[in-house]
Protein backbone atom coordinates (compact mmCIF):
# COMPACT_ATOMS: atom_id res chain seq x y z
CA MET A 1 -0.18 0.02 -0.01
CA GLN A 2 2.83 2.20 1.21
CA THR A 3 4.63 1.69 -2.55
CA GLU A 4 1.36 2.37 -4.39
CA SER A 5 0.90 5.66 -2.67
CA ILE A 6 4.41 6.89 -4.01
CA GLU A 7 4.14 5.72 -6.92
CA LEU A 8 0.82 7.89 -6.74
CA GLY A 9 2.34 10.66 -5.30
CA PHE A 10 5.05 10.78 -8.22
CA LEU A 11 2.62 10.16 -11.51
CA SER A 12 0.57 13.13 -9.81
CA ILE A 13 3.80 15.42 -9.51
CA PHE A 14 4.76 14.15 -13.07
CA ALA A 15 1.56 14.70 -14.57
CA LEU A 16 2.09 18.55 -13.27
CA ILE A 17 5.29 18.66 -14.57
CA THR A 18 4.67 17.45 -17.63
CA PHE A 19 1.74 20.04 -18.27
CA PHE A 20 4.05 22.98 -17.89
CA ILE A 21 6.23 21.08 -20.10
CA PHE A 22 4.08 21.25 -22.91
CA LEU A 23 2.81 24.79 -22.04
CA ILE A 24 6.32 26.04 -22.17
CA VAL A 25 7.71 24.50 -25.03
CA SER A 26 4.71 25.28 -27.50
CA LYS A 27 4.94 29.28 -26.25
CA TYR A 28 8.66 29.80 -26.97
CA SER A 29 8.81 27.42 -29.66
CA TYR A 30 7.18 29.89 -32.17
CA ASN A 31 10.03 32.07 -32.00
CA ILE A 32 12.95 30.12 -31.86
CA LYS A 33 15.26 30.43 -35.31
CA ASN A 34 12.88 32.30 -36.80
CA GLY A 35 10.25 30.02 -36.43
CA ILE A 36 12.28 27.04 -38.29
CA LEU A 37 9.17 24.69 -35.92
CA LEU A 38 6.38 26.51 -37.57
CA ASP A 39 4.00 24.05 -39.90
CA SER A 40 3.37 26.56 -42.19
CA ASP A 41 3.34 24.81 -45.32
CA PHE A 42 -0.41 24.88 -46.30
CA SER A 43 0.15 23.05 -49.62
CA LYS A 44 0.87 19.61 -49.12
CA PRO A 45 -1.54 16.96 -49.40
CA GLN A 46 -1.51 16.07 -45.76
CA ALA A 47 -2.07 19.95 -44.43
CA PHE A 48 -5.53 20.67 -42.90
CA HIS A 49 -4.72 24.09 -41.27
CA SER A 50 -4.85 27.35 -42.35
CA LYS A 51 -2.64 28.84 -39.77
CA ALA A 52 1.01 28.12 -38.97
CA VAL A 53 1.62 25.79 -35.74
CA THR A 54 4.72 24.75 -34.31
CA ARG A 55 5.87 21.55 -34.43
CA SER A 56 6.87 21.05 -31.01
CA GLY A 57 5.06 18.34 -29.76
CA GLY A 58 8.02 15.98 -30.31
CA ILE A 59 10.43 18.06 -28.43
CA ALA A 60 8.11 18.40 -25.30
CA GLY A 61 7.26 14.74 -25.63
CA LEU A 62 11.04 13.72 -25.66
CA ILE A 63 11.53 16.06 -22.88
CA SER A 64 9.20 14.40 -20.61
CA LEU A 65 9.70 11.05 -21.39
CA LEU A 66 13.45 11.65 -20.16
CA VAL A 67 11.84 13.10 -16.72
CA PHE A 68 9.67 10.16 -16.70
CA LEU A 69 12.61 7.71 -17.05
CA SER A 70 14.68 9.76 -14.26
CA ILE A 71 11.20 8.95 -11.85
CA TYR A 72 11.54 5.47 -13.19
CA TYR A 73 15.11 5.03 -12.09
CA LEU A 74 14.50 6.82 -8.51
CA LEU A 75 11.92 3.89 -7.96
CA TYR A 76 12.89 0.37 -9.53
CA SER A 77 16.93 1.45 -10.05
CA LYS A 78 16.35 0.29 -13.85
CA ILE A 79 17.46 1.57 -16.65
CA LEU A 80 15.17 1.31 -20.09
CA TYR A 81 17.76 1.48 -22.43
CA GLU A 82 15.45 -0.22 -25.35
CA TYR A 83 13.65 2.77 -24.62
CA ILE A 84 15.75 5.60 -24.47
CA PHE A 85 18.41 4.05 -27.79
CA ILE A 86 15.21 3.46 -30.15
CA CYS A 87 12.88 5.99 -28.98
CA SER A 88 15.42 9.14 -29.22
CA SER A 89 17.34 7.79 -32.31
CA LEU A 90 14.10 7.85 -34.36
CA PHE A 91 13.05 10.80 -32.90
CA LEU A 92 16.30 12.37 -34.09
CA VAL A 93 14.79 11.17 -37.87
CA GLY A 94 11.62 12.65 -37.50
CA PHE A 95 13.19 15.76 -36.09
CA LEU A 96 14.97 16.79 -39.58
CA ASP A 97 11.83 16.97 -41.36
CA ASP A 98 10.61 19.31 -38.45
CA ILE A 99 13.43 21.62 -38.66
CA ARG A 100 13.26 21.82 -42.24
CA ILE A 101 16.23 19.81 -43.31
CA LYS A 102 14.78 17.82 -46.46
CA ILE A 103 15.59 14.49 -47.07
CA ASN A 104 14.75 12.03 -49.18
CA PRO A 105 12.00 9.58 -48.44
CA ASN A 106 14.44 6.30 -48.98
CA LEU A 107 17.17 7.89 -47.25
CA ARG A 108 15.07 8.71 -44.36
CA LEU A 109 13.84 4.61 -44.53
CA PHE A 110 17.32 3.57 -44.51
CA LEU A 111 18.07 5.71 -41.74
CA MET A 112 14.85 4.28 -39.75
CA VAL A 113 16.14 0.80 -40.66
CA PHE A 114 20.07 1.57 -40.06
CA PHE A 115 19.20 2.43 -35.95
CA LEU A 116 16.47 -0.54 -35.56
CA ILE A 117 19.18 -3.14 -36.87
CA VAL A 118 22.12 -1.36 -34.38
CA PHE A 119 19.84 -1.33 -31.43
CA ILE A 120 17.44 -4.56 -32.15
CA ASN A 121 20.42 -6.70 -31.97
CA LEU A 122 22.48 -4.49 -29.54
CA LEU A 123 19.76 -4.78 -27.00
CA SER A 124 18.43 -8.18 -27.78
CA ILE A 125 14.79 -7.46 -28.31
CA GLN A 126 12.92 -10.83 -29.18
CA ILE A 127 9.40 -11.03 -30.11
CA ASN A 128 7.71 -14.18 -28.37
CA ASN A 129 4.83 -16.17 -28.51
CA ILE A 130 3.42 -15.68 -32.21
CA ASP A 131 0.07 -17.89 -33.26
CA LEU A 132 1.19 -18.93 -36.24
CA ILE A 133 3.47 -22.19 -35.84
CA PHE A 134 5.41 -21.57 -38.92
CA LEU A 135 5.97 -17.91 -37.78
CA ASN A 136 7.23 -19.26 -34.73
CA PHE A 137 9.53 -21.38 -36.41
CA TRP A 138 11.02 -18.85 -38.71
CA LEU A 139 11.34 -16.70 -35.86
CA LYS A 140 14.10 -18.98 -34.40
CA ASN A 141 16.21 -17.61 -37.42
CA LYS A 142 18.11 -14.52 -36.17
CA ILE A 143 18.09 -12.65 -39.25
CA PHE A 144 14.21 -13.50 -40.40
CA LEU A 145 13.58 -12.27 -36.56
CA ASN A 146 15.66 -9.15 -37.05
CA ILE A 147 13.45 -8.50 -40.07
CA PHE A 148 10.02 -9.20 -38.54
CA ILE A 149 10.71 -6.44 -35.64
CA ILE A 150 12.28 -3.89 -37.94
CA LEU A 151 8.72 -4.23 -40.45
CA CYS A 152 6.81 -4.01 -37.10
CA PHE A 153 8.50 -1.14 -36.21
CA LEU A 154 8.12 0.51 -39.23
CA PHE A 155 4.89 -0.14 -39.95
CA ILE A 156 3.65 1.44 -36.40
CA THR A 157 5.93 4.34 -36.36
CA ASN A 158 5.29 5.32 -40.34
CA GLY A 159 1.46 4.57 -39.35
CA ALA A 160 1.87 6.91 -36.31
CA ASN A 161 3.35 9.43 -38.99
CA LEU A 162 0.55 8.80 -41.49
CA ILE A 163 -2.74 9.42 -39.12
CA ASP A 164 -0.78 12.73 -37.68
CA GLY A 165 -2.58 15.18 -39.81
CA PHE A 166 -5.53 15.93 -37.55
CA ASN A 167 -6.02 17.48 -34.27
CA GLY A 168 -6.14 14.42 -31.93
CA LEU A 169 -6.46 11.78 -34.24
CA LEU A 170 -3.29 10.26 -33.45
CA THR A 171 -3.10 10.89 -29.73
CA ILE A 172 -6.64 9.78 -29.09
CA ASN A 173 -5.63 6.46 -30.88
CA LEU A 174 -2.51 5.55 -29.07
CA ILE A 175 -4.13 7.15 -25.53
CA ILE A 176 -7.01 4.25 -26.27
CA VAL A 177 -4.00 1.61 -27.15
CA ASN A 178 -1.93 1.91 -24.68
CA SER A 179 -5.12 2.03 -22.37
CA VAL A 180 -5.88 -1.27 -22.90
CA LEU A 181 -2.15 -2.58 -22.91
CA LEU A 182 -2.06 -1.15 -19.52
CA LEU A 183 -5.41 -2.96 -18.29
CA LEU A 184 -3.91 -6.03 -19.75
CA ASN A 185 -0.27 -5.87 -17.90
CA LEU A 186 -2.47 -4.85 -14.94
CA ASN A 187 -5.03 -7.83 -14.60
CA ASN A 188 -1.74 -9.59 -14.90
CA ASN A 189 0.15 -8.06 -12.12
CA HIS A 190 2.52 -6.75 -13.85
CA LEU A 191 2.51 -3.58 -11.84
CA GLU A 192 6.05 -2.01 -12.71
CA PHE A 193 5.62 -1.70 -16.39
CA SER A 194 2.05 -0.91 -15.96
CA PHE A 195 3.48 2.15 -14.13
CA PHE A 196 5.64 2.97 -17.16
CA LEU A 197 2.61 2.72 -19.04
CA THR A 198 0.61 5.39 -16.92
CA GLY A 199 3.60 7.79 -17.25
CA GLN A 200 3.27 7.49 -21.37
CA ILE A 201 -0.28 7.98 -20.76
CA ILE A 202 -0.33 10.93 -18.36
CA VAL A 203 2.35 12.37 -21.81
CA LEU A 204 -0.13 11.82 -24.07
CA ILE A 205 -3.36 13.50 -22.43
CA SER A 206 -1.16 16.53 -21.41
CA PHE A 207 -0.47 16.63 -25.37
CA LEU A 208 -3.75 16.23 -26.37
CA LEU A 209 -5.48 19.54 -24.09
CA PHE A 210 -2.75 21.62 -26.67
CA ASN A 211 -3.79 20.29 -29.53
CA PHE A 212 -7.44 19.13 -29.22
CA PRO A 213 -9.92 20.71 -30.46
CA LYS A 214 -7.80 23.59 -31.35
CA ALA A 215 -4.25 22.96 -32.20
CA LYS A 216 -1.67 25.46 -30.53
CA VAL A 217 1.05 22.34 -31.24
CA PHE A 218 1.88 19.53 -33.87
CA LEU A 219 3.71 16.52 -32.83
CA GLY A 220 5.83 16.80 -36.01
CA ASP A 221 7.14 13.80 -37.30
CA SER A 222 9.67 13.77 -34.29
CA GLY A 223 6.63 13.31 -32.34
CA SER A 224 4.78 10.86 -34.33
CA TYR A 225 8.01 8.59 -34.73
CA LEU A 226 8.50 9.24 -30.81
CA PHE A 227 5.56 7.79 -29.84
CA GLY A 228 4.84 5.25 -32.64
CA SER A 229 8.05 3.49 -31.27
CA LEU A 230 6.77 3.73 -27.84
CA THR A 231 3.82 2.23 -28.69
CA ALA A 232 5.80 -0.57 -30.68
CA LEU A 233 8.11 -1.34 -27.62
CA ASN A 234 5.23 -1.34 -25.21
CA THR A 235 3.73 -4.08 -27.36
CA ILE A 236 6.38 -6.20 -27.60
CA PHE A 237 6.86 -6.03 -24.23
CA THR A 238 3.01 -6.48 -23.09
CA ASN A 239 2.80 -9.44 -25.84
CA ASN A 240 5.96 -11.20 -24.24
CA LEU A 241 4.95 -10.60 -20.45
CA ASN A 242 1.66 -11.94 -21.29
CA PRO A 243 2.01 -15.37 -22.94
CA SER A 244 -1.72 -16.23 -22.57
CA ILE A 245 -2.98 -13.37 -24.67
CA SER A 246 -3.44 -14.13 -28.41
CA SER A 247 -0.76 -12.31 -30.65
CA PHE A 248 -3.39 -11.73 -32.74
CA PHE A 249 -5.07 -9.74 -30.49
CA PHE A 250 -2.35 -7.50 -30.62
CA CYS A 251 -2.59 -7.31 -34.55
CA ILE A 252 -6.42 -5.95 -33.91
CA LEU A 253 -5.09 -3.03 -31.29
CA LEU A 254 -2.29 -1.91 -33.73
CA PHE A 255 -4.98 -2.41 -36.74
CA TYR A 256 -5.61 1.25 -37.75
CA LEU A 257 -1.95 2.08 -37.45
CA PHE A 258 -0.16 -0.84 -39.63
CA PHE A 259 -3.13 -1.54 -41.71
CA GLU A 260 -3.47 2.02 -43.15
CA VAL A 261 0.28 2.14 -43.81
CA PHE A 262 0.08 -1.58 -45.45
CA PHE A 263 -2.97 -0.57 -47.46
CA SER A 264 -1.75 2.86 -48.73
CA PHE A 265 1.31 0.92 -49.98
CA PHE A 266 -0.70 -1.24 -52.13
CA ARG A 267 -3.07 1.47 -53.18
CA LYS A 268 -0.30 3.42 -54.85
CA ILE A 269 1.12 1.11 -56.47
CA TYR A 270 -2.40 -0.06 -57.88
CA GLN A 271 -2.87 3.63 -58.99
CA LYS A 272 0.85 3.69 -60.41
CA LYS A 273 1.90 6.11 -58.25
CA SER A 274 5.36 6.29 -55.83
CA PRO A 275 4.22 4.25 -52.46
CA VAL A 276 6.90 6.20 -50.44
CA LEU A 277 5.60 9.57 -51.52
CA PRO A 278 2.11 11.31 -49.30
CA ASP A 279 -1.11 11.74 -51.04
CA ASN A 280 -4.25 12.74 -50.06
CA MET A 281 -6.25 9.36 -50.39
CA HIS A 282 -5.62 8.20 -47.19
CA LEU A 283 -8.73 6.97 -45.28
CA HIS A 284 -8.64 9.78 -42.57
CA MET A 285 -8.45 12.16 -45.48
CA ILE A 286 -11.80 11.07 -47.51
CA SER A 287 -13.80 11.03 -44.36
CA TYR A 288 -12.63 14.43 -43.49
CA ARG A 289 -13.65 15.55 -47.06
CA LYS A 290 -17.30 13.92 -46.43
CA ILE A 291 -17.84 15.46 -43.13
CA ASN A 292 -16.41 18.84 -44.40
CA THR A 293 -19.63 18.43 -46.35
CA ILE A 294 -21.66 18.77 -43.39
CA PHE A 295 -19.42 21.18 -40.88
CA GLU A 296 -17.22 24.07 -41.61
CA SER A 297 -13.42 22.94 -42.18
CA GLU A 298 -11.96 23.90 -38.37
CA LYS A 299 -15.32 22.10 -36.61
CA SER A 300 -14.62 19.19 -39.54
CA ASN A 301 -10.59 18.62 -38.21
CA TYR A 302 -11.63 17.55 -34.97
CA ILE A 303 -15.07 15.82 -35.75
CA ASN A 304 -13.03 13.60 -38.06
CA SER A 305 -10.47 12.65 -35.33
CA ILE A 306 -13.56 12.13 -33.10
CA VAL A 307 -15.51 9.67 -35.46
CA ILE A 308 -12.96 7.33 -36.69
CA ASN A 309 -11.64 6.69 -33.10
CA PHE A 310 -15.21 5.96 -32.20
CA VAL A 311 -15.43 3.54 -34.77
CA PHE A 312 -11.97 2.02 -33.71
CA SER A 313 -12.91 1.35 -30.42
CA ALA A 314 -15.99 -0.03 -31.30
CA LEU A 315 -14.14 -2.48 -33.35
CA ILE A 316 -11.95 -3.25 -31.29
CA LEU A 317 -12.97 -2.92 -27.18
CA PRO A 318 -15.32 -5.99 -27.73
CA ILE A 319 -12.21 -8.11 -28.56
CA ILE A 320 -11.01 -7.34 -24.89
CA PHE A 321 -13.08 -10.56 -23.50
CA PHE A 322 -11.45 -12.81 -26.14
CA ALA A 323 -8.16 -11.96 -25.87
CA ASP A 324 -6.71 -15.04 -24.92
CA ASN A 325 -8.91 -16.64 -27.45
CA SER A 326 -6.41 -17.15 -30.76
CA LEU A 327 -9.25 -18.31 -33.07
CA VAL A 328 -11.64 -15.37 -32.19
CA CYS A 329 -8.82 -12.75 -32.38
CA LYS A 330 -7.79 -14.44 -36.15
CA TYR A 331 -11.36 -14.08 -37.51
CA TRP A 332 -12.06 -10.75 -35.93
CA PHE A 333 -8.46 -9.60 -37.75
CA LEU A 334 -9.97 -11.10 -40.76
CA ALA A 335 -13.35 -9.60 -40.36
CA LEU A 336 -11.77 -6.08 -39.93
CA ILE A 337 -9.49 -6.19 -42.77
CA LEU A 338 -12.82 -6.58 -44.83
CA ILE A 339 -14.58 -3.74 -42.81
CA TYR A 340 -11.96 -1.72 -43.72
CA ILE A 341 -11.53 -2.15 -47.25
CA LEU A 342 -15.80 -1.74 -47.39
CA ILE A 343 -15.65 1.71 -45.25
CA TYR A 344 -12.82 3.37 -47.55
CA TYR A 345 -14.12 2.16 -51.02
CA ARG A 346 -17.92 3.56 -49.79
CA LEU A 347 -16.23 6.66 -48.68
CA TYR A 348 -14.29 6.94 -51.66
CA HIS A 349 -17.42 6.75 -54.26
CA LEU A 350 -19.36 9.36 -51.95
CA THR A 351 -16.70 12.05 -51.92
CA LYS A 352 -15.90 11.08 -56.06
CA ASN A 353 -19.27 11.81 -56.71
């Protein structure tokens, strides 16, 4: 009981510290290097704002995370090297774009893969308990294991970056995902890891206060890569800590993040476009255009985030009761693929006409 009181006290203090970190960073980042962090490019396909907004959410998020890692060390005398090295390295890749150092998409992908290869091997990160026998067999091979883990990170981090265009869309999604991970770990008495997840949720909620419904700050590429990689690691460790939970349940939980990337990749190839260049035909973009026929632009921005995350929650939360049933999770996952495709093409034809 005494330990729980100490942890609760630290979380309360951390919540206050995090709020002020976001407040200070968002306020003063407008004036850094003549507004170098301002997102004032309104012509890009993924731009849905009409005023310059600072992309300093990733900076505030990283500072908050480092503060919390210090608190975690004080309580448990452990340094979470996986989170420090992987998340900070991917943060730096995204930060280059935030400060207007334009790098080729292929070079960006190369840098991400390079950092992941180095730290996955250096820190011996593994994924256990896959619900496919043939995949479990392949994962015994070190090279295949590395490729599989790298793909997991790339899908989640790029998925996070992809949907980070509307106020609250990514952040609410990540709060839902990490809250479910927290619930699973609490139910299985993994209290130490649950404490760490709670700290991350506090950071996300603090950012949301400055991003939703009206955006005073954006995550930027650095922030979306930071929180995407955090969520990827959270999912890997939750999977490894809870072998009774179906690995397909985690696929369902992360479905919107990774399938948006997967679907868009093949859609662009089919449309004879470059799969690595952005366009305005993603699900959240065409749903925005439909909602924008009903509401004004500013309202449509955050209403779109609410609608998408409501549908996401309705589709994934019921399966929590069957998280340990591999067969049910597999069929639910297949159903989600079908539902996504049907919703996409329905919205596509509605907005096209």
